[in-house]
């Protein structure tokens, strides 16, 4: 594997880079939602509120913060260390939150996996495959709300094509669990989104991250494979929408899924296939967004509605509707 390069930029440089034109990264009627090389004994802490294998833990933060704050140095250090280890193949399941390890730690093959509700080996394998060959560059946005931090930035690598300067984007959410910063979401995408003003409230920051990272995953072509994107797309949907999109087969349920990964991928392609860039616009103060996708055949427009999960800073997609222009 070629030697990987990790780029870390100071805040001032990042702002200057963004101002200079760094590209931001980045879906119809209503619709519903290999083992790695790491030692399999390396496992994240077992949560105190252990869910069923296909469920999610209860809220991490019962009292939502009322204001955004500067990102703590410890969170910045954890982000830098994770992205560095991701590109070098050293990131493993112990770096993940109780929620996210259940998202990507599938299928459940062994009895111990079924007991835990996730496979540490499969979660580690997902991280290795997603991080291979990437170079992380300019950071475009960072915000902290209580024990949650949202990062977005640029990423490059051979998978994004041979054109000079061709890049993609990444979305990274980290949460503080048991006094340590853990990765609660990671997506890589070749679909890019122009810069937009940062959110001004914790709720808006959480909603903006939820819709943007979802659209990125649905519209991605080169950043991740369809198999790698499937658990992210499923996790971004409400259980009802997930079942409508991709009801599970019996084998899926045995493997720990409450959806069919193949169907999830196909539904995503119907919406986001062929997208190169996209825009996201909030519709008033409600958790609703107008999304426009740029495709070879012309733009496609959608309305996405969100709903809060049990965690006050986690929002899920509950409805996607294509906006059809009126007939002239």
Protein backbone atom coordinates (compact mmCIF):
# COMPACT_ATOMS: atom_id res chain seq x y z
CA UNK A 1 0.00 0.00 0.00
CA UNK A 2 1.43 3.43 -0.89
CA UNK A 3 2.61 5.63 1.88
CA UNK A 4 -0.25 7.80 3.11
CA UNK A 5 -0.01 11.47 3.93
CA UNK A 6 -2.07 13.17 6.62
CA UNK A 7 -2.47 16.93 6.38
CA UNK A 8 -3.42 19.03 9.41
CA UNK A 9 -4.00 22.73 8.90
CA UNK A 10 -4.25 25.53 11.42
CA UNK A 11 -7.55 27.34 11.72
CA UNK A 12 -6.28 30.49 10.09
CA UNK A 13 -4.93 28.58 7.14
CA UNK A 14 -8.19 26.72 6.77
CA UNK A 15 -10.20 29.90 6.68
CA UNK A 16 -7.84 31.34 4.14
CA UNK A 17 -8.05 28.18 2.08
CA UNK A 18 -11.84 28.21 2.16
CA UNK A 19 -11.88 31.87 1.18
CA UNK A 20 -9.60 31.07 -1.72
CA UNK A 21 -12.17 28.66 -3.15
CA UNK A 22 -11.58 25.22 -1.67
CA UNK A 23 -14.45 23.01 -2.81
CA UNK A 24 -16.81 21.76 -0.15
CA UNK A 25 -17.92 18.14 -0.12
CA UNK A 26 -20.87 16.91 0.17
CA UNK A 27 -31.92 12.68 -3.22
CA UNK A 28 -39.25 10.56 -5.50
CA UNK A 29 -42.29 10.47 -3.77
CA UNK A 30 -42.06 9.89 -0.02
CA UNK A 31 -39.96 6.84 0.73
CA UNK A 32 -39.14 4.89 3.86
CA UNK A 33 -35.41 4.34 5.40
CA UNK A 34 -14.32 -9.96 6.36
CA UNK A 35 -12.66 -9.81 9.27
CA UNK A 36 -9.85 -7.31 9.84
CA UNK A 37 -6.35 -7.93 11.03
CA UNK A 38 -6.86 -6.43 14.45
CA UNK A 39 -6.93 -8.67 17.48
CA UNK A 40 -10.54 -9.69 17.93
CA UNK A 41 -10.19 -9.19 21.67
CA UNK A 42 -9.96 -5.42 21.17
CA UNK A 43 -13.55 -4.41 21.83
CA UNK A 44 -15.30 -1.17 22.76
CA UNK A 45 -16.71 -0.99 26.28
CA UNK A 46 -20.00 -2.80 26.71
CA UNK A 47 -22.68 -0.12 27.18
CA UNK A 48 -24.59 -0.01 30.42
CA UNK A 49 -27.87 0.30 28.53
CA UNK A 50 -27.21 -2.58 26.15
CA UNK A 51 -29.73 -2.54 23.27
CA UNK A 52 -30.90 -5.44 21.14
CA UNK A 53 -28.54 -6.24 18.25
CA UNK A 54 -30.42 -4.06 15.76
CA UNK A 55 -31.43 -1.28 18.13
CA UNK A 56 -29.65 1.82 19.35
CA UNK A 57 -28.54 2.85 22.82
CA UNK A 58 -30.56 5.34 24.81
CA UNK A 59 -29.69 9.04 24.94
CA UNK A 60 -26.11 9.97 25.75
CA UNK A 61 -27.01 13.50 26.80
CA UNK A 62 -30.42 13.93 28.44
CA UNK A 63 -30.12 17.72 28.74
CA UNK A 64 -29.35 19.27 25.35
CA UNK A 65 -26.96 22.26 25.34
CA UNK A 66 -28.42 25.66 24.60
CA UNK A 67 -25.41 27.21 22.88
CA UNK A 68 -22.56 26.24 20.58
CA UNK A 69 -19.03 26.53 21.93
CA UNK A 70 -15.47 26.45 20.59
CA UNK A 71 -14.23 22.92 19.94
CA UNK A 72 -12.27 21.67 22.92
CA UNK A 73 -8.57 20.93 22.39
CA UNK A 74 -9.12 17.34 23.53
CA UNK A 75 -11.72 16.86 20.77
CA UNK A 76 -9.37 18.37 18.17
CA UNK A 77 -6.59 16.07 19.30
CA UNK A 78 -8.91 13.05 19.12
CA UNK A 79 -9.99 14.03 15.60
CA UNK A 80 -6.40 14.43 14.42
CA UNK A 81 -5.34 11.12 15.93
CA UNK A 82 -8.32 9.25 14.48
CA UNK A 83 -7.89 10.56 10.94
CA UNK A 84 -4.17 9.83 11.07
CA UNK A 85 -4.78 6.28 12.27
CA UNK A 86 -7.59 5.81 9.76
CA UNK A 87 -5.28 6.51 6.81
CA UNK A 88 -2.57 4.25 8.22
CA UNK A 89 -4.96 1.36 8.87
CA UNK A 90 -4.58 1.57 12.64
CA UNK A 91 -8.09 2.74 13.57
CA UNK A 92 -10.16 -0.02 15.17
CA UNK A 93 -13.53 -0.63 16.82
CA UNK A 94 -12.36 0.70 20.18
CA UNK A 95 -12.43 4.23 18.67
CA UNK A 96 -16.17 4.06 18.00
CA UNK A 97 -19.18 5.10 20.04
CA UNK A 98 -21.64 2.55 21.38
CA UNK A 99 -24.08 3.60 18.66
CA UNK A 100 -21.73 3.70 15.67
CA UNK A 101 -20.01 0.38 16.35
CA UNK A 102 -23.47 -1.22 16.00
CA UNK A 103 -24.02 0.59 12.71
CA UNK A 104 -20.91 -0.67 10.92
CA UNK A 105 -20.13 -3.77 13.03
CA UNK A 106 -22.18 -6.15 10.88
CA UNK A 107 -22.85 -8.91 9.98
CA UNK A 108 -23.00 -10.76 13.28
CA UNK A 109 -21.31 -14.07 12.50
CA UNK A 110 -20.11 -15.55 15.78
CA UNK A 111 -22.02 -16.19 19.02
CA UNK A 112 -19.95 -13.53 20.81
CA UNK A 113 -20.92 -10.98 18.14
CA UNK A 114 -24.60 -11.77 18.64
CA UNK A 115 -24.17 -11.42 22.38
CA UNK A 116 -22.51 -8.02 22.02
CA UNK A 117 -24.82 -6.82 19.27
CA UNK A 118 -21.90 -5.96 16.99
CA UNK A 119 -18.78 -7.49 15.48
CA UNK A 120 -15.57 -5.70 16.53
CA UNK A 121 -13.70 -7.37 13.66
CA UNK A 122 -16.19 -6.27 11.03
CA UNK A 123 -16.27 -2.71 12.39
CA UNK A 124 -12.47 -2.60 12.22
CA UNK A 125 -12.50 -4.04 8.69
CA UNK A 126 -14.94 -1.30 7.60
CA UNK A 127 -12.63 1.40 8.96
CA UNK A 128 -9.59 -0.10 7.23
CA UNK A 129 -11.36 -0.31 3.87
CA UNK A 130 -12.85 3.19 4.05
CA UNK A 131 -9.58 4.83 5.14
CA UNK A 132 -7.26 3.14 2.66
CA UNK A 133 -5.50 5.56 0.30
CA UNK A 134 -7.05 8.76 1.68
CA UNK A 135 -5.34 12.08 2.39
CA UNK A 136 -7.26 14.48 4.61
CA UNK A 137 -6.85 18.15 3.79
CA UNK A 138 -8.57 21.43 4.55
CA UNK A 139 -11.06 21.47 7.38
CA UNK A 140 -14.13 23.43 6.31
CA UNK A 141 -16.31 23.52 9.38
CA UNK A 142 -16.19 22.50 13.03
CA UNK A 143 -18.77 23.06 15.76
CA UNK A 144 -19.30 21.75 19.26
CA UNK A 145 -22.58 21.39 21.12
CA UNK A 146 -22.07 19.99 24.60
CA UNK A 147 -20.56 16.54 24.27
CA UNK A 148 -20.93 16.38 20.49
CA UNK A 149 -18.54 17.79 17.88
CA UNK A 150 -19.19 18.04 14.14
CA UNK A 151 -16.35 18.19 11.61
CA UNK A 152 -16.45 18.57 7.84
CA UNK A 153 -13.51 18.82 5.49
CA UNK A 154 -11.88 17.83 2.23
CA UNK A 155 -10.26 14.55 1.32
CA UNK A 156 -8.35 13.29 -1.70
CA UNK A 157 -6.95 10.02 -2.99
CA UNK A 158 -6.70 7.77 -6.04
CA UNK A 159 -10.34 6.71 -5.78
CA UNK A 160 -11.55 10.22 -6.63
CA UNK A 161 -10.10 10.19 -10.14
CA UNK A 162 -7.00 11.34 -11.95
CA UNK A 163 -7.98 14.95 -12.65
CA UNK A 164 -5.64 17.43 -10.94
CA UNK A 165 -7.13 18.76 -7.73
CA UNK A 166 -10.01 16.29 -7.70
CA UNK A 167 -11.21 15.93 -4.13
CA UNK A 168 -14.08 14.66 -2.07
CA UNK A 169 -15.39 15.45 1.37
CA UNK A 170 -15.77 13.85 4.75
CA UNK A 171 -18.22 14.23 7.60
CA UNK A 172 -17.13 13.23 11.10
CA UNK A 173 -19.15 13.36 14.31
CA UNK A 174 -17.52 12.66 17.66
CA UNK A 175 -19.17 12.24 21.05
CA UNK A 176 -17.81 12.14 24.56
CA UNK A 177 -18.46 8.75 26.15
CA UNK A 178 -17.09 7.79 29.55
CA UNK A 179 -14.75 10.77 29.41
CA UNK A 180 -13.27 9.89 26.01
CA UNK A 181 -14.00 11.21 22.53
CA UNK A 182 -15.43 8.49 20.28
CA UNK A 183 -16.30 8.49 16.57
CA UNK A 184 -20.10 8.53 16.17
CA UNK A 185 -20.25 8.97 12.38
CA UNK A 186 -17.84 8.88 9.44
CA UNK A 187 -18.72 9.23 5.78
CA UNK A 188 -16.55 9.89 2.73
CA UNK A 189 -18.11 11.22 -0.48
CA UNK A 190 -17.20 12.30 -3.99
CA UNK A 191 -20.34 14.48 -4.12
CA UNK A 192 -19.44 18.03 -3.20
CA UNK A 193 -21.43 20.81 -1.58
CA UNK A 194 -20.62 24.52 -1.89
CA UNK A 195 -19.87 26.32 1.35
CA UNK A 196 -22.80 27.57 3.41
CA UNK A 197 -23.05 29.61 6.60
CA UNK A 198 -22.47 27.61 9.79
CA UNK A 199 -25.39 26.81 12.08
CA UNK A 200 -26.03 29.16 14.98
CA UNK A 201 -27.78 26.83 17.45
CA UNK A 202 -27.06 23.28 18.69
CA UNK A 203 -30.28 21.95 17.14
CA UNK A 204 -29.51 23.50 13.77
CA UNK A 205 -25.94 22.19 13.87
CA UNK A 206 -27.21 18.66 14.54
CA UNK A 207 -29.85 18.91 11.80
CA UNK A 208 -27.44 20.37 9.25
CA UNK A 209 -24.97 17.57 9.90
CA UNK A 210 -27.68 14.90 9.68
CA UNK A 211 -29.06 16.02 6.32
CA UNK A 212 -25.70 16.84 4.74
CA UNK A 213 -23.95 13.62 5.72
CA UNK A 214 -27.01 11.62 4.58
CA UNK A 215 -27.10 13.31 1.17
CA UNK A 216 -23.36 12.82 0.81
CA UNK A 217 -23.72 9.09 1.45
CA UNK A 218 -26.70 8.69 -0.88
CA UNK A 219 -25.01 10.61 -3.71
CA UNK A 220 -21.48 9.28 -3.32
CA UNK A 221 -19.87 7.45 -6.23
CA UNK A 222 -16.15 7.11 -5.48
CA UNK A 223 -15.65 7.81 -1.77
CA UNK A 224 -17.09 4.52 -0.49
CA UNK A 225 -18.38 1.35 -2.10
CA UNK A 226 -22.12 0.63 -2.12
CA UNK A 227 -21.57 -2.01 0.57
CA UNK A 228 -19.71 0.47 2.78
CA UNK A 229 -22.39 3.14 2.36
CA UNK A 230 -25.37 0.87 3.06
CA UNK A 231 -25.13 0.83 6.89
CA UNK A 232 -24.68 4.61 6.99
CA UNK A 233 -27.71 5.27 4.81
CA UNK A 234 -29.80 2.84 6.85
CA UNK A 235 -28.70 4.40 10.12
CA UNK A 236 -29.65 7.87 8.90
CA UNK A 237 -33.29 6.83 8.36
CA UNK A 238 -36.07 6.35 10.88
CA UNK A 239 -36.91 2.66 11.50
CA UNK A 240 -40.18 3.12 9.60
CA UNK A 241 -38.52 4.64 6.56
CA UNK A 242 -35.73 2.08 6.71
CA UNK A 243 -38.27 -0.76 6.61
CA UNK A 244 -40.14 0.89 3.73
CA UNK A 245 -36.93 1.21 1.73
CA UNK A 246 -35.47 -2.20 2.45
CA UNK A 247 -37.44 -4.75 4.50
CA UNK A 248 -35.07 -7.43 5.78
CA UNK A 249 -35.00 -11.05 4.71
CA UNK A 250 -34.73 -13.79 7.32
CA UNK A 251 -30.99 -14.07 6.75
CA UNK A 252 -30.57 -10.31 7.25
CA UNK A 253 -32.25 -10.59 10.64
CA UNK A 254 -30.00 -13.51 11.59
CA UNK A 255 -26.98 -11.39 10.63
CA UNK A 256 -28.14 -8.55 12.91
CA UNK A 257 -29.68 -6.23 10.32
CA UNK A 258 -33.17 -4.75 10.51
CA UNK A 259 -32.96 -3.94 6.78
CA UNK A 260 -31.61 -5.51 3.59
CA UNK A 261 -28.24 -3.93 2.68
CA UNK A 262 -28.63 -4.59 -1.03
CA UNK A 263 -32.03 -2.91 -1.24
CA UNK A 264 -30.76 0.10 0.70
CA UNK A 265 -28.01 0.56 -1.89
CA UNK A 266 -30.44 0.31 -4.80
CA UNK A 267 -32.82 2.88 -3.30
CA UNK A 268 -29.92 5.26 -2.76
CA UNK A 269 -28.85 4.96 -6.40
CA UNK A 270 -32.40 5.78 -7.55
CA UNK A 271 -32.16 9.09 -5.72
CA UNK A 272 -28.51 10.12 -5.80
CA UNK A 273 -26.97 8.22 -8.70
CA UNK A 274 -24.91 10.42 -11.00
CA UNK A 275 -24.74 13.38 -8.64
CA UNK A 276 -21.59 15.50 -8.83
CA UNK A 277 -22.56 18.39 -6.56
CA UNK A 278 -25.51 19.30 -4.37
CA UNK A 279 -26.91 22.16 -2.34
CA UNK A 280 -28.82 22.08 0.94
CA UNK A 281 -31.14 24.90 2.01
CA UNK A 282 -33.06 25.05 5.28
CA UNK A 283 -36.78 25.80 4.96
CA UNK A 284 -37.50 28.20 7.80
CA UNK A 285 -36.87 27.11 11.36
CA UNK A 286 -38.43 23.66 10.94
CA UNK A 287 -36.18 20.59 10.45
CA UNK A 288 -36.97 20.56 6.73
CA UNK A 289 -34.55 21.10 3.86
CA UNK A 290 -34.58 21.70 0.13
CA UNK A 291 -31.89 19.65 -1.62
CA UNK A 292 -30.85 20.11 -5.24
CA UNK A 293 -28.68 17.50 -6.94
CA UNK A 294 -26.63 18.27 -10.04
CA UNK A 295 -26.78 15.35 -12.49
CA UNK A 296 -25.78 14.84 -16.14
CA UNK A 297 -29.44 14.96 -17.24
CA UNK A 298 -30.13 18.11 -15.22
CA UNK A 299 -30.90 19.04 -11.63
CA UNK A 300 -33.18 16.99 -9.38
CA UNK A 301 -34.86 18.57 -6.37
CA UNK A 302 -36.00 16.97 -3.13
CA UNK A 303 -37.50 17.95 0.20
CA UNK A 304 -36.12 16.13 3.24
CA UNK A 305 -37.83 16.15 6.62
CA UNK A 306 -36.06 15.17 9.83
CA UNK A 307 -37.25 13.95 13.20
CA UNK A 308 -35.33 13.77 16.49
CA UNK A 309 -34.07 10.46 17.79
CA UNK A 310 -33.90 9.70 21.54
CA UNK A 311 -30.58 11.55 21.64
CA UNK A 312 -31.41 15.28 21.54
CA UNK A 313 -28.48 15.92 19.19
CA UNK A 314 -29.20 13.13 16.73
CA UNK A 315 -31.75 13.60 13.95
CA UNK A 316 -33.07 11.03 11.46
CA UNK A 317 -34.57 11.34 7.99
CA UNK A 318 -38.29 10.57 8.15
CA UNK A 319 -39.39 11.61 4.65
CA UNK A 320 -37.91 12.30 1.22
CA UNK A 321 -40.12 13.81 -1.46
CA UNK A 322 -39.15 14.76 -4.99
CA UNK A 323 -40.05 18.33 -5.85
CA UNK A 324 -41.63 18.12 -9.28
CA UNK A 325 -41.82 21.40 -11.21
CA UNK A 326 -45.33 22.39 -12.31
CA UNK A 327 -46.25 21.65 -15.92
CA UNK A 328 -46.22 24.70 -18.11
